[in-house]
Amino acid sequence: MEVRSKIWIEVDGKPVFGSGREALLKSIDRLGSINKAAKDIRVSYRKALSYIQSMEERLGTTLVQRQAGGVDGGGAVLTDAAKDFLKKFERLEEGINELLDRKFDEVFRKGRKN
């Protein structure tokens, strides 16, 4: 038996960031393309672009530098702000999971009578 949790960040009741958007940004960072990242996480390009635009709007900062296609092709890279945000989100997840694990052990394992 183990405990699971899902963490997301909202601004004014609207989702800004969670595991799906985290996966999108990490995939963009790895693949250098919004289109490839969208395929990688199995969402449409339009949905991926919508996620990026809503995150940037609600956070008030650019997260993805985009270069339109053309002769040399397009591409996308994460900004320093996006990389910093990802690191902070990962730290938050780690901290929450540590707390959950401790509480889970306290309630379900240590309190269990053999």
PDB file of N, CA and C in Angstrom:
ATOM      1  N   MET A   1       0.847  -1.168   0.000  1.00  0.00           N
ATOM      2  CA  MET A   1       0.000   0.000   0.000  1.00  0.00           C
ATOM      3  C   MET A   1       0.900   1.241   0.000  1.00  0.00           C
ATOM      4  N   GLU A   2       0.527   2.218  -0.799  1.00  0.00           N
ATOM      5  CA  GLU A   2       1.283   3.467  -0.835  1.00  0.00           C
ATOM      6  C   GLU A   2       0.338   4.629  -1.104  1.00  0.00           C
ATOM      7  N   VAL A   3       0.773   5.817  -0.715  1.00  0.00           N
ATOM      8  CA  VAL A   3      -0.035   7.022  -0.898  1.00  0.00           C
ATOM      9  C   VAL A   3       0.411   7.739  -2.167  1.00  0.00           C
ATOM     10  N   ARG A   4      -0.540   8.328  -2.858  1.00  0.00           N
ATOM     11  CA  ARG A   4      -0.266   9.104  -4.075  1.00  0.00           C
ATOM     12  C   ARG A   4      -0.917  10.471  -3.927  1.00  0.00           C
ATOM     13  N   SER A   5      -0.327  11.458  -4.567  1.00  0.00           N
ATOM     14  CA  SER A   5      -0.925  12.791  -4.549  1.00  0.00           C
ATOM     15  C   SER A   5      -0.706  13.453  -5.894  1.00  0.00           C
ATOM     16  N   LYS A   6      -1.509  14.445  -6.154  1.00  0.00           N
ATOM     17  CA  LYS A   6      -1.391  15.217  -7.382  1.00  0.00           C
ATOM     18  C   LYS A   6      -1.360  16.679  -6.977  1.00  0.00           C
ATOM     19  N   ILE A   7      -0.343  17.389  -7.439  1.00  0.00           N
ATOM     20  CA  ILE A   7      -0.166  18.782  -7.067  1.00  0.00           C
ATOM     21  C   ILE A   7      -0.327  19.645  -8.316  1.00  0.00           C
ATOM     22  N   TRP A   8      -1.047  20.733  -8.176  1.00  0.00           N
ATOM     23  CA  TRP A   8      -1.116  21.700  -9.259  1.00  0.00           C
ATOM     24  C   TRP A   8      -1.190  23.086  -8.664  1.00  0.00           C
ATOM     25  N   ILE A   9      -0.869  24.067  -9.484  1.00  0.00           N
ATOM     26  CA  ILE A   9      -0.873  25.466  -9.052  1.00  0.00           C
ATOM     27  C   ILE A   9      -1.961  26.184  -9.837  1.00  0.00           C
ATOM     28  N   GLU A  10      -2.731  27.004  -9.125  1.00  0.00           N
ATOM     29  CA  GLU A  10      -3.783  27.797  -9.752  1.00  0.00           C
ATOM     30  C   GLU A  10      -3.556  29.271  -9.475  1.00  0.00           C
ATOM     31  N   VAL A  11      -4.048  30.101 -10.369  1.00  0.00           N
ATOM     32  CA  VAL A  11      -4.084  31.542 -10.178  1.00  0.00           C
ATOM     33  C   VAL A  11      -5.528  31.966 -10.417  1.00  0.00           C
ATOM     34  N   ASP A  12      -6.123  32.587  -9.419  1.00  0.00           N
ATOM     35  CA  ASP A  12      -7.522  33.012  -9.500  1.00  0.00           C
ATOM     36  C   ASP A  12      -8.440  31.860  -9.888  1.00  0.00           C
ATOM     37  N   GLY A  13      -8.176  30.680  -9.345  1.00  0.00           N
ATOM     38  CA  GLY A  13      -9.015  29.517  -9.590  1.00  0.00           C
ATOM     39  C   GLY A  13      -8.800  28.845 -10.934  1.00  0.00           C
ATOM     40  N   LYS A  14      -7.839  29.321 -11.703  1.00  0.00           N
ATOM     41  CA  LYS A  14      -7.562  28.737 -13.024  1.00  0.00           C
ATOM     42  C   LYS A  14      -6.227  27.997 -12.967  1.00  0.00           C
ATOM     43  N   PRO A  15      -6.187  26.779 -13.552  1.00  0.00           N
ATOM     44  CA  PRO A  15      -4.946  26.004 -13.504  1.00  0.00           C
ATOM     45  C   PRO A  15      -3.811  26.690 -14.250  1.00  0.00           C
ATOM     46  N   VAL A  16      -2.644  26.665 -13.632  1.00  0.00           N
ATOM     47  CA  VAL A  16      -1.450  27.241 -14.241  1.00  0.00           C
ATOM     48  C   VAL A  16      -0.425  26.144 -14.507  1.00  0.00           C
ATOM     49  N   PHE A  17      -0.265  25.256 -13.550  1.00  0.00           N
ATOM     50  CA  PHE A  17       0.809  24.283 -13.670  1.00  0.00           C
ATOM     51  C   PHE A  17       0.495  23.027 -12.890  1.00  0.00           C
ATOM     52  N   GLY A  18       0.814  21.896 -13.497  1.00  0.00           N
ATOM     53  CA  GLY A  18       0.648  20.595 -12.862  1.00  0.00           C
ATOM     54  C   GLY A  18       1.479  19.582 -13.622  1.00  0.00           C
ATOM     55  N   SER A  19       1.221  18.316 -13.399  1.00  0.00           N
ATOM     56  CA  SER A  19       2.063  17.271 -13.980  1.00  0.00           C
ATOM     57  C   SER A  19       2.025  17.253 -15.509  1.00  0.00           C
ATOM     58  N   GLY A  20       0.879  17.522 -16.114  1.00  0.00           N
ATOM     59  CA  GLY A  20       0.798  17.525 -17.572  1.00  0.00           C
ATOM     60  C   GLY A  20       1.593  18.647 -18.196  1.00  0.00           C
ATOM     61  N   ARG A  21       1.488  19.819 -17.613  1.00  0.00           N
ATOM     62  CA  ARG A  21       2.230  20.972 -18.142  1.00  0.00           C
ATOM     63  C   ARG A  21       3.721  20.840 -17.829  1.00  0.00           C
ATOM     64  N   GLU A  22       4.021  20.210 -16.707  1.00  0.00           N
ATOM     65  CA  GLU A  22       5.418  19.925 -16.381  1.00  0.00           C
ATOM     66  C   GLU A  22       6.007  18.993 -17.448  1.00  0.00           C
ATOM     67  N   ALA A  23       5.266  17.954 -17.799  1.00  0.00           N
ATOM     68  CA  ALA A  23       5.726  17.013 -18.824  1.00  0.00           C
ATOM     69  C   ALA A  23       5.922  17.721 -20.164  1.00  0.00           C
ATOM     70  N   LEU A  24       5.014  18.631 -20.497  1.00  0.00           N
ATOM     71  CA  LEU A  24       5.126  19.379 -21.746  1.00  0.00           C
ATOM     72  C   LEU A  24       6.414  20.209 -21.778  1.00  0.00           C
ATOM     73  N   LEU A  25       6.658  20.984 -20.724  1.00  0.00           N
ATOM     74  CA  LEU A  25       7.867  21.815 -20.708  1.00  0.00           C
ATOM     75  C   LEU A  25       9.140  20.973 -20.741  1.00  0.00           C
ATOM     76  N   LYS A  26       9.161  19.878 -20.005  1.00  0.00           N
ATOM     77  CA  LYS A  26      10.348  19.016 -20.009  1.00  0.00           C
ATOM     78  C   LYS A  26      10.571  18.405 -21.388  1.00  0.00           C
ATOM     79  N   SER A  27       9.487  18.057 -22.050  1.00  0.00           N
ATOM     80  CA  SER A  27       9.600  17.482 -23.389  1.00  0.00           C
ATOM     81  C   SER A  27      10.073  18.529 -24.403  1.00  0.00           C
ATOM     82  N   ILE A  28       9.575  19.754 -24.274  1.00  0.00           N
ATOM     83  CA  ILE A  28      10.050  20.837 -25.149  1.00  0.00           C
ATOM     84  C   ILE A  28      11.551  21.035 -24.939  1.00  0.00           C
ATOM     85  N   ASP A  29      11.970  21.019 -23.691  1.00  0.00           N
ATOM     86  CA  ASP A  29      13.385  21.209 -23.368  1.00  0.00           C
ATOM     87  C   ASP A  29      14.235  20.098 -23.994  1.00  0.00           C
ATOM     88  N   ARG A  30      13.733  18.889 -23.941  1.00  0.00           N
ATOM     89  CA  ARG A  30      14.462  17.723 -24.454  1.00  0.00           C
ATOM     90  C   ARG A  30      14.451  17.653 -25.982  1.00  0.00           C
ATOM     91  N   LEU A  31      13.294  17.984 -26.593  1.00  0.00           N
ATOM     92  CA  LEU A  31      13.127  17.785 -28.032  1.00  0.00           C
ATOM     93  C   LEU A  31      13.310  19.046 -28.870  1.00  0.00           C
ATOM     94  N   GLY A  32      13.235  20.228 -28.229  1.00  0.00           N
ATOM     95  CA  GLY A  32      13.439  21.477 -28.955  1.00  0.00           C
ATOM     96  C   GLY A  32      12.316  21.855 -29.905  1.00  0.00           C
ATOM     97  N   SER A  33      11.116  21.328 -29.646  1.00  0.00           N
ATOM     98  CA  SER A  33       9.993  21.584 -30.538  1.00  0.00           C
ATOM     99  C   SER A  33       8.681  21.404 -29.786  1.00  0.00           C
ATOM    100  N   ILE A  34       7.769  22.351 -29.964  1.00  0.00           N
ATOM    101  CA  ILE A  34       6.442  22.222 -29.342  1.00  0.00           C
ATOM    102  C   ILE A  34       5.690  21.077 -30.010  1.00  0.00           C
ATOM    103  N   ASN A  35       5.779  20.982 -31.326  1.00  0.00           N
ATOM    104  CA  ASN A  35       5.070  19.935 -32.051  1.00  0.00           C
ATOM    105  C   ASN A  35       5.535  18.538 -31.623  1.00  0.00           C
ATOM    106  N   LYS A  36       6.842  18.343 -31.554  1.00  0.00           N
ATOM    107  CA  LYS A  36       7.382  17.046 -31.132  1.00  0.00           C
ATOM    108  C   LYS A  36       7.028  16.755 -29.681  1.00  0.00           C
ATOM    109  N   ALA A  37       7.081  17.791 -28.843  1.00  0.00           N
ATOM    110  CA  ALA A  37       6.740  17.613 -27.429  1.00  0.00           C
ATOM    111  C   ALA A  37       5.267  17.230 -27.283  1.00  0.00           C
ATOM    112  N   ALA A  38       4.400  17.877 -28.059  1.00  0.00           N
ATOM    113  CA  ALA A  38       2.967  17.561 -28.007  1.00  0.00           C
ATOM    114  C   ALA A  38       2.743  16.091 -28.361  1.00  0.00           C
ATOM    115  N   LYS A  39       3.382  15.637 -29.417  1.00  0.00           N
ATOM    116  CA  LYS A  39       3.261  14.221 -29.813  1.00  0.00           C
ATOM    117  C   LYS A  39       3.806  13.309 -28.726  1.00  0.00           C
ATOM    118  N   ASP A  40       4.917  13.721 -28.124  1.00  0.00           N
ATOM    119  CA  ASP A  40       5.568  12.929 -27.075  1.00  0.00           C
ATOM    120  C   ASP A  40       4.652  12.706 -25.877  1.00  0.00           C
ATOM    121  N   ILE A  41       3.899  13.736 -25.493  1.00  0.00           N
ATOM    122  CA  ILE A  41       3.016  13.591 -24.328  1.00  0.00           C
ATOM    123  C   ILE A  41       1.569  13.297 -24.739  1.00  0.00           C
ATOM    124  N   ARG A  42       1.376  13.083 -26.026  1.00  0.00           N
ATOM    125  CA  ARG A  42       0.086  12.657 -26.582  1.00  0.00           C
ATOM    126  C   ARG A  42      -1.038  13.680 -26.417  1.00  0.00           C
ATOM    127  N   VAL A  43      -0.733  14.927 -26.758  1.00  0.00           N
ATOM    128  CA  VAL A  43      -1.765  15.965 -26.861  1.00  0.00           C
ATOM    129  C   VAL A  43      -1.605  16.623 -28.224  1.00  0.00           C
ATOM    130  N   SER A  44      -2.636  17.299 -28.666  1.00  0.00           N
ATOM    131  CA  SER A  44      -2.544  17.988 -29.950  1.00  0.00           C
ATOM    132  C   SER A  44      -1.613  19.193 -29.823  1.00  0.00           C
ATOM    133  N   TYR A  45      -1.089  19.614 -30.958  1.00  0.00           N
ATOM    134  CA  TYR A  45      -0.252  20.811 -30.982  1.00  0.00           C
ATOM    135  C   TYR A  45      -1.054  21.998 -30.458  1.00  0.00           C
ATOM    136  N   ARG A  46      -2.290  22.083 -30.872  1.00  0.00           N
ATOM    137  CA  ARG A  46      -3.152  23.191 -30.458  1.00  0.00           C
ATOM    138  C   ARG A  46      -3.328  23.217 -28.928  1.00  0.00           C
ATOM    139  N   LYS A  47      -3.515  22.045 -28.329  1.00  0.00           N
ATOM    140  CA  LYS A  47      -3.667  21.944 -26.871  1.00  0.00           C
ATOM    141  C   LYS A  47      -2.365  22.352 -26.183  1.00  0.00           C
ATOM    142  N   ALA A  48      -1.235  21.882 -26.702  1.00  0.00           N
ATOM    143  CA  ALA A  48       0.075  22.232 -26.126  1.00  0.00           C
ATOM    144  C   ALA A  48       0.296  23.737 -26.176  1.00  0.00           C
ATOM    145  N   LEU A  49      -0.008  24.341 -27.311  1.00  0.00           N
ATOM    146  CA  LEU A  49       0.149  25.785 -27.466  1.00  0.00           C
ATOM    147  C   LEU A  49      -0.772  26.527 -26.497  1.00  0.00           C
ATOM    148  N   SER A  50      -1.980  26.012 -26.329  1.00  0.00           N
ATOM    149  CA  SER A  50      -2.930  26.608 -25.385  1.00  0.00           C
ATOM    150  C   SER A  50      -2.387  26.544 -23.952  1.00  0.00           C
ATOM    151  N   TYR A  51      -1.797  25.411 -23.583  1.00  0.00           N
ATOM    152  CA  TYR A  51      -1.192  25.269 -22.252  1.00  0.00           C
ATOM    153  C   TYR A  51      -0.095  26.309 -22.055  1.00  0.00           C
ATOM    154  N   ILE A  52       0.776  26.439 -23.047  1.00  0.00           N
ATOM    155  CA  ILE A  52       1.890  27.388 -22.954  1.00  0.00           C
ATOM    156  C   ILE A  52       1.375  28.813 -22.814  1.00  0.00           C
ATOM    157  N   GLN A  53       0.436  29.179 -23.664  1.00  0.00           N
ATOM    158  CA  GLN A  53      -0.105  30.536 -23.636  1.00  0.00           C
ATOM    159  C   GLN A  53      -0.792  30.846 -22.307  1.00  0.00           C
ATOM    160  N   SER A  54      -1.563  29.904 -21.767  1.00  0.00           N
ATOM    161  CA  SER A  54      -2.244  30.161 -20.490  1.00  0.00           C
ATOM    162  C   SER A  54      -1.253  30.239 -19.331  1.00  0.00           C
ATOM    163  N   MET A  55      -0.215  29.387 -19.363  1.00  0.00           N
ATOM    164  CA  MET A  55       0.809  29.464 -18.311  1.00  0.00           C
ATOM    165  C   MET A  55       1.503  30.819 -18.355  1.00  0.00           C
ATOM    166  N   GLU A  56       1.914  31.234 -19.543  1.00  0.00           N
ATOM    167  CA  GLU A  56       2.633  32.497 -19.684  1.00  0.00           C
ATOM    168  C   GLU A  56       1.756  33.679 -19.270  1.00  0.00           C
ATOM    169  N   GLU A  57       0.511  33.639 -19.670  1.00  0.00           N
ATOM    170  CA  GLU A  57      -0.409  34.727 -19.315  1.00  0.00           C
ATOM    171  C   GLU A  57      -0.633  34.797 -17.807  1.00  0.00           C
ATOM    172  N   ARG A  58      -0.889  33.672 -17.184  1.00  0.00           N
ATOM    173  CA  ARG A  58      -1.201  33.651 -15.746  1.00  0.00           C
ATOM    174  C   ARG A  58       0.022  33.875 -14.873  1.00  0.00           C
ATOM    175  N   LEU A  59       1.199  33.486 -15.358  1.00  0.00           N
ATOM    176  CA  LEU A  59       2.435  33.712 -14.594  1.00  0.00           C
ATOM    177  C   LEU A  59       3.067  35.060 -14.923  1.00  0.00           C
ATOM    178  N   GLY A  60       2.644  35.658 -16.031  1.00  0.00           N
ATOM    179  CA  GLY A  60       3.161  36.964 -16.414  1.00  0.00           C
ATOM    180  C   GLY A  60       4.591  36.939 -16.905  1.00  0.00           C
ATOM    181  N   THR A  61       4.999  35.827 -17.508  1.00  0.00           N
ATOM    182  CA  THR A  61       6.363  35.730 -18.024  1.00  0.00           C
ATOM    183  C   THR A  61       6.407  34.771 -19.205  1.00  0.00           C
ATOM    184  N   THR A  62       7.395  34.943 -20.052  1.00  0.00           N
ATOM    185  CA  THR A  62       7.591  34.041 -21.182  1.00  0.00           C
ATOM    186  C   THR A  62       8.297  32.782 -20.701  1.00  0.00           C
ATOM    187  N   LEU A  63       7.752  31.633 -21.065  1.00  0.00           N
ATOM    188  CA  LEU A  63       8.332  30.353 -20.672  1.00  0.00           C
ATOM    189  C   LEU A  63       9.010  29.643 -21.833  1.00  0.00           C
ATOM    190  N   VAL A  64       8.493  29.875 -23.039  1.00  0.00           N
ATOM    191  CA  VAL A  64       9.011  29.187 -24.213  1.00  0.00           C
ATOM    192  C   VAL A  64       9.323  30.210 -25.310  1.00  0.00           C
ATOM    193  N   GLN A  65      10.572  30.213 -25.756  1.00  0.00           N
ATOM    194  CA  GLN A  65      10.968  31.037 -26.896  1.00  0.00           C
ATOM    195  C   GLN A  65      10.693  30.211 -28.151  1.00  0.00           C
ATOM    196  N   ARG A  66       9.841  30.753 -29.021  1.00  0.00           N
ATOM    197  CA  ARG A  66       9.454  30.025 -30.213  1.00  0.00           C
ATOM    198  C   ARG A  66      10.078  30.658 -31.455  1.00  0.00           C
ATOM    199  N   GLN A  67      10.467  29.800 -32.385  1.00  0.00           N
ATOM    200  CA  GLN A  67      10.957  30.258 -33.674  1.00  0.00           C
ATOM    201  C   GLN A  67      10.114  29.560 -34.731  1.00  0.00           C
ATOM    202  N   ALA A  68       9.432  30.353 -35.557  1.00  0.00           N
ATOM    203  CA  ALA A  68       8.557  29.798 -36.584  1.00  0.00           C
ATOM    204  C   ALA A  68       9.356  28.965 -37.576  1.00  0.00           C
ATOM    205  N   GLY A  69       8.692  28.009 -38.189  1.00  0.00           N
ATOM    206  CA  GLY A  69       9.322  27.156 -39.196  1.00  0.00           C
ATOM    207  C   GLY A  69       9.753  27.965 -40.410  1.00  0.00           C
ATOM    208  N   GLY A  70      10.343  27.321 -41.329  1.00  0.00           N
ATOM    209  CA  GLY A  70      10.846  27.976 -42.531  1.00  0.00           C
ATOM    210  C   GLY A  70      11.856  27.059 -43.178  1.00  0.00           C
ATOM    211  N   VAL A  71      12.774  27.640 -43.915  1.00  0.00           N
ATOM    212  CA  VAL A  71      13.786  26.845 -44.609  1.00  0.00           C
ATOM    213  C   VAL A  71      14.578  25.990 -43.630  1.00  0.00           C
ATOM    214  N   ASP A  72      14.992  26.608 -42.528  1.00  0.00           N
ATOM    215  CA  ASP A  72      15.779  25.881 -41.526  1.00  0.00           C
ATOM    216  C   ASP A  72      14.921  25.185 -40.481  1.00  0.00           C
ATOM    217  N   GLY A  73      13.597  25.290 -40.605  1.00  0.00           N
ATOM    218  CA  GLY A  73      12.707  24.675 -39.624  1.00  0.00           C
ATOM    219  C   GLY A  73      12.551  25.561 -38.411  1.00  0.00           C
ATOM    220  N   GLY A  74      11.576  25.241 -37.599  1.00  0.00           N
ATOM    221  CA  GLY A  74      11.315  26.023 -36.397  1.00  0.00           C
ATOM    222  C   GLY A  74      11.973  25.389 -35.197  1.00  0.00           C
ATOM    223  N   GLY A  75      11.548  25.833 -34.056  1.00  0.00           N
ATOM    224  CA  GLY A  75      12.084  25.268 -32.836  1.00  0.00           C
ATOM    225  C   GLY A  75      11.551  25.997 -31.631  1.00  0.00           C
ATOM    226  N   ALA A  76      11.853  25.462 -30.485  1.00  0.00           N
ATOM    227  CA  ALA A  76      11.416  26.066 -29.232  1.00  0.00           C
ATOM    228  C   ALA A  76      12.417  25.709 -28.145  1.00  0.00           C
ATOM    229  N   VAL A  77      12.688  26.684 -27.293  1.00  0.00           N
ATOM    230  CA  VAL A  77      13.563  26.446 -26.142  1.00  0.00           C
ATOM    231  C   VAL A  77      12.918  27.069 -24.909  1.00  0.00           C
ATOM    232  N   LEU A  78      13.189  26.474 -23.767  1.00  0.00           N
ATOM    233  CA  LEU A  78      12.682  27.032 -22.516  1.00  0.00           C
ATOM    234  C   LEU A  78      13.504  28.247 -22.123  1.00  0.00           C
ATOM    235  N   THR A  79      12.833  29.232 -21.573  1.00  0.00           N
ATOM    236  CA  THR A  79      13.531  30.396 -21.046  1.00  0.00           C
ATOM    237  C   THR A  79      14.131  30.035 -19.691  1.00  0.00           C
ATOM    238  N   ASP A  80      14.991  30.900 -19.193  1.00  0.00           N
ATOM    239  CA  ASP A  80      15.540  30.694 -17.852  1.00  0.00           C
ATOM    240  C   ASP A  80      14.417  30.703 -16.814  1.00  0.00           C
ATOM    241  N   ALA A  81      13.394  31.535 -17.048  1.00  0.00           N
ATOM    242  CA  ALA A  81      12.255  31.591 -16.123  1.00  0.00           C
ATOM    243  C   ALA A  81      11.542  30.244 -16.061  1.00  0.00           C
ATOM    244  N   ALA A  82      11.393  29.584 -17.207  1.00  0.00           N
ATOM    245  CA  ALA A  82      10.737  28.274 -17.249  1.00  0.00           C
ATOM    246  C   ALA A  82      11.577  27.223 -16.524  1.00  0.00           C
ATOM    247  N   LYS A  83      12.874  27.247 -16.758  1.00  0.00           N
ATOM    248  CA  LYS A  83      13.758  26.280 -16.100  1.00  0.00           C
ATOM    249  C   LYS A  83      13.749  26.476 -14.592  1.00  0.00           C
ATOM    250  N   ASP A  84      13.737  27.725 -14.160  1.00  0.00           N
ATOM    251  CA  ASP A  84      13.681  28.035 -12.734  1.00  0.00           C
ATOM    252  C   ASP A  84      12.343  27.571 -12.141  1.00  0.00           C
ATOM    253  N   PHE A  85      11.259  27.828 -12.853  1.00  0.00           N
ATOM    254  CA  PHE A  85       9.932  27.423 -12.388  1.00  0.00           C
ATOM    255  C   PHE A  85       9.855  25.903 -12.264  1.00  0.00           C
ATOM    256  N   LEU A  86      10.397  25.176 -13.248  1.00  0.00           N
ATOM    257  CA  LEU A  86      10.413  23.713 -13.189  1.00  0.00           C
ATOM    258  C   LEU A  86      11.174  23.212 -11.965  1.00  0.00           C
ATOM    259  N   LYS A  87      12.330  23.801 -11.701  1.00  0.00           N
ATOM    260  CA  LYS A  87      13.118  23.396 -10.528  1.00  0.00           C
ATOM    261  C   LYS A  87      12.341  23.634  -9.237  1.00  0.00           C
ATOM    262  N   LYS A  88      11.682  24.779  -9.141  1.00  0.00           N
ATOM    263  CA  LYS A  88      10.910  25.093  -7.937  1.00  0.00           C
ATOM    264  C   LYS A  88       9.732  24.132  -7.779  1.00  0.00           C
ATOM    265  N   PHE A  89       9.065  23.812  -8.882  1.00  0.00           N
ATOM    266  CA  PHE A  89       7.935  22.884  -8.823  1.00  0.00           C
ATOM    267  C   PHE A  89       8.405  21.500  -8.379  1.00  0.00           C
ATOM    268  N   GLU A  90       9.552  21.069  -8.896  1.00  0.00           N
ATOM    269  CA  GLU A  90      10.107  19.774  -8.496  1.00  0.00           C
ATOM    270  C   GLU A  90      10.435  19.762  -7.006  1.00  0.00           C
ATOM    271  N   ARG A  91      11.002  20.860  -6.504  1.00  0.00           N
ATOM    272  CA  ARG A  91      11.300  20.954  -5.065  1.00  0.00           C
ATOM    273  C   ARG A  91      10.011  20.896  -4.245  1.00  0.00           C
ATOM    274  N   LEU A  92       8.970  21.572  -4.723  1.00  0.00           N
ATOM    275  CA  LEU A  92       7.677  21.542  -4.044  1.00  0.00           C
ATOM    276  C   LEU A  92       7.131  20.119  -4.010  1.00  0.00           C
ATOM    277  N   GLU A  93       7.158  19.439  -5.152  1.00  0.00           N
ATOM    278  CA  GLU A  93       6.677  18.055  -5.216  1.00  0.00           C
ATOM    279  C   GLU A  93       7.449  17.148  -4.263  1.00  0.00           C
ATOM    280  N   GLU A  94       8.768  17.292  -4.266  1.00  0.00           N
ATOM    281  CA  GLU A  94       9.592  16.469  -3.375  1.00  0.00           C
ATOM    282  C   GLU A  94       9.232  16.709  -1.918  1.00  0.00           C
ATOM    283  N   GLY A  95       9.076  17.975  -1.559  1.00  0.00           N
ATOM    284  CA  GLY A  95       8.739  18.307  -0.171  1.00  0.00           C
ATOM    285  C   GLY A  95       7.379  17.781   0.227  1.00  0.00           C
ATOM    286  N   ILE A  96       6.401  17.931  -0.632  1.00  0.00           N
ATOM    287  CA  ILE A  96       5.052  17.426  -0.348  1.00  0.00           C
ATOM    288  C   ILE A  96       5.082  15.914  -0.226  1.00  0.00           C
ATOM    289  N   ASN A  97       5.792  15.251  -1.134  1.00  0.00           N
ATOM    290  CA  ASN A  97       5.867  13.785  -1.079  1.00  0.00           C
ATOM    291  C   ASN A  97       6.558  13.291   0.184  1.00  0.00           C
ATOM    292  N   GLU A  98       7.587  14.005   0.631  1.00  0.00           N
ATOM    293  CA  GLU A  98       8.245  13.634   1.890  1.00  0.00           C
ATOM    294  C   GLU A  98       7.271  13.740   3.058  1.00  0.00           C
ATOM    295  N   LEU A  99       6.514  14.841   3.087  1.00  0.00           N
ATOM    296  CA  LEU A  99       5.519  15.017   4.149  1.00  0.00           C
ATOM    297  C   LEU A  99       4.453  13.924   4.098  1.00  0.00           C
ATOM    298  N   LEU A 100       3.974  13.630   2.905  1.00  0.00           N
ATOM    299  CA  LEU A 100       2.951  12.591   2.748  1.00  0.00           C
ATOM    300  C   LEU A 100       3.479  11.227   3.172  1.00  0.00           C
ATOM    301  N   ASP A 101       4.700  10.912   2.772  1.00  0.00           N
ATOM    302  CA  ASP A 101       5.285   9.625   3.150  1.00  0.00           C
ATOM    303  C   ASP A 101       5.398   9.492   4.661  1.00  0.00           C
ATOM    304  N   ARG A 102       5.866  10.562   5.319  1.00  0.00           N
ATOM    305  CA  ARG A 102       5.984  10.522   6.786  1.00  0.00           C
ATOM    306  C   ARG A 102       4.628  10.339   7.443  1.00  0.00           C
ATOM    307  N   LYS A 103       3.641  11.096   6.993  1.00  0.00           N
ATOM    308  CA  LYS A 103       2.306  11.004   7.582  1.00  0.00           C
ATOM    309  C   LYS A 103       1.681   9.642   7.289  1.00  0.00           C
ATOM    310  N   PHE A 104       1.873   9.138   6.108  1.00  0.00           N
ATOM    311  CA  PHE A 104       1.356   7.821   5.741  1.00  0.00           C
ATOM    312  C   PHE A 104       1.948   6.753   6.661  1.00  0.00           C
ATOM    313  N   ASP A 105       3.278   6.805   6.849  1.00  0.00           N
ATOM    314  CA  ASP A 105       3.934   5.852   7.746  1.00  0.00           C
ATOM    315  C   ASP A 105       3.375   5.966   9.158  1.00  0.00           C
ATOM    316  N   GLU A 106       3.211   7.194   9.620  1.00  0.00           N
ATOM    317  CA  GLU A 106       2.701   7.437  10.970  1.00  0.00           C
ATOM    318  C   GLU A 106       1.303   6.848  11.141  1.00  0.00           C
ATOM    319  N   VAL A 107       0.456   7.051  10.187  1.00  0.00           N
ATOM    320  CA  VAL A 107      -0.945   6.632  10.301  1.00  0.00           C
ATOM    321  C   VAL A 107      -1.143   5.158   9.981  1.00  0.00           C
ATOM    322  N   PHE A 108      -0.504   4.660   8.934  1.00  0.00           N
ATOM    323  CA  PHE A 108      -0.791   3.306   8.470  1.00  0.00           C
ATOM    324  C   PHE A 108       0.217   2.254   8.856  1.00  0.00           C
ATOM    325  N   ARG A 109       1.446   2.659   9.151  1.00  0.00           N
ATOM    326  CA  ARG A 109       2.454   1.633   9.436  1.00  0.00           C
ATOM    327  C   ARG A 109       2.828   1.599  10.919  1.00  0.00           C
ATOM    328  N   LYS A 110       3.178   2.726  11.484  1.00  0.00           N
ATOM    329  CA  LYS A 110       3.620   2.760  12.874  1.00  0.00           C
ATOM    330  C   LYS A 110       2.467   2.520  13.828  1.00  0.00           C
ATOM    331  N   GLY A 111       1.298   2.953  13.445  1.00  0.00           N
ATOM    332  CA  GLY A 111       0.130   2.783  14.309  1.00  0.00           C
ATOM    333  C   GLY A 111      -0.514   1.425  14.180  1.00  0.00           C
ATOM    334  N   ARG A 112       0.010   0.590  13.280  1.00  0.00           N
ATOM    335  CA  ARG A 112      -0.565  -0.725  13.016  1.00  0.00           C
ATOM    336  C   ARG A 112      -0.143  -1.711  14.102  1.00  0.00           C
ATOM    337  N   LYS A 113      -1.104  -2.448  14.587  1.00  0.00           N
ATOM    338  CA  LYS A 113      -0.812  -3.476  15.610  1.00  0.00           C
ATOM    339  C   LYS A 113      -0.644  -4.814  14.908  1.00  0.00           C
ATOM    340  N   ASN A 114       0.402  -5.528  15.317  1.00  0.00           N
ATOM    341  CA  ASN A 114       0.691  -6.834  14.687  1.00  0.00           C
ATOM    342  C   ASN A 114      -0.010  -7.946  15.389  1.00  0.00           C
TER     343      ASN A 114
END
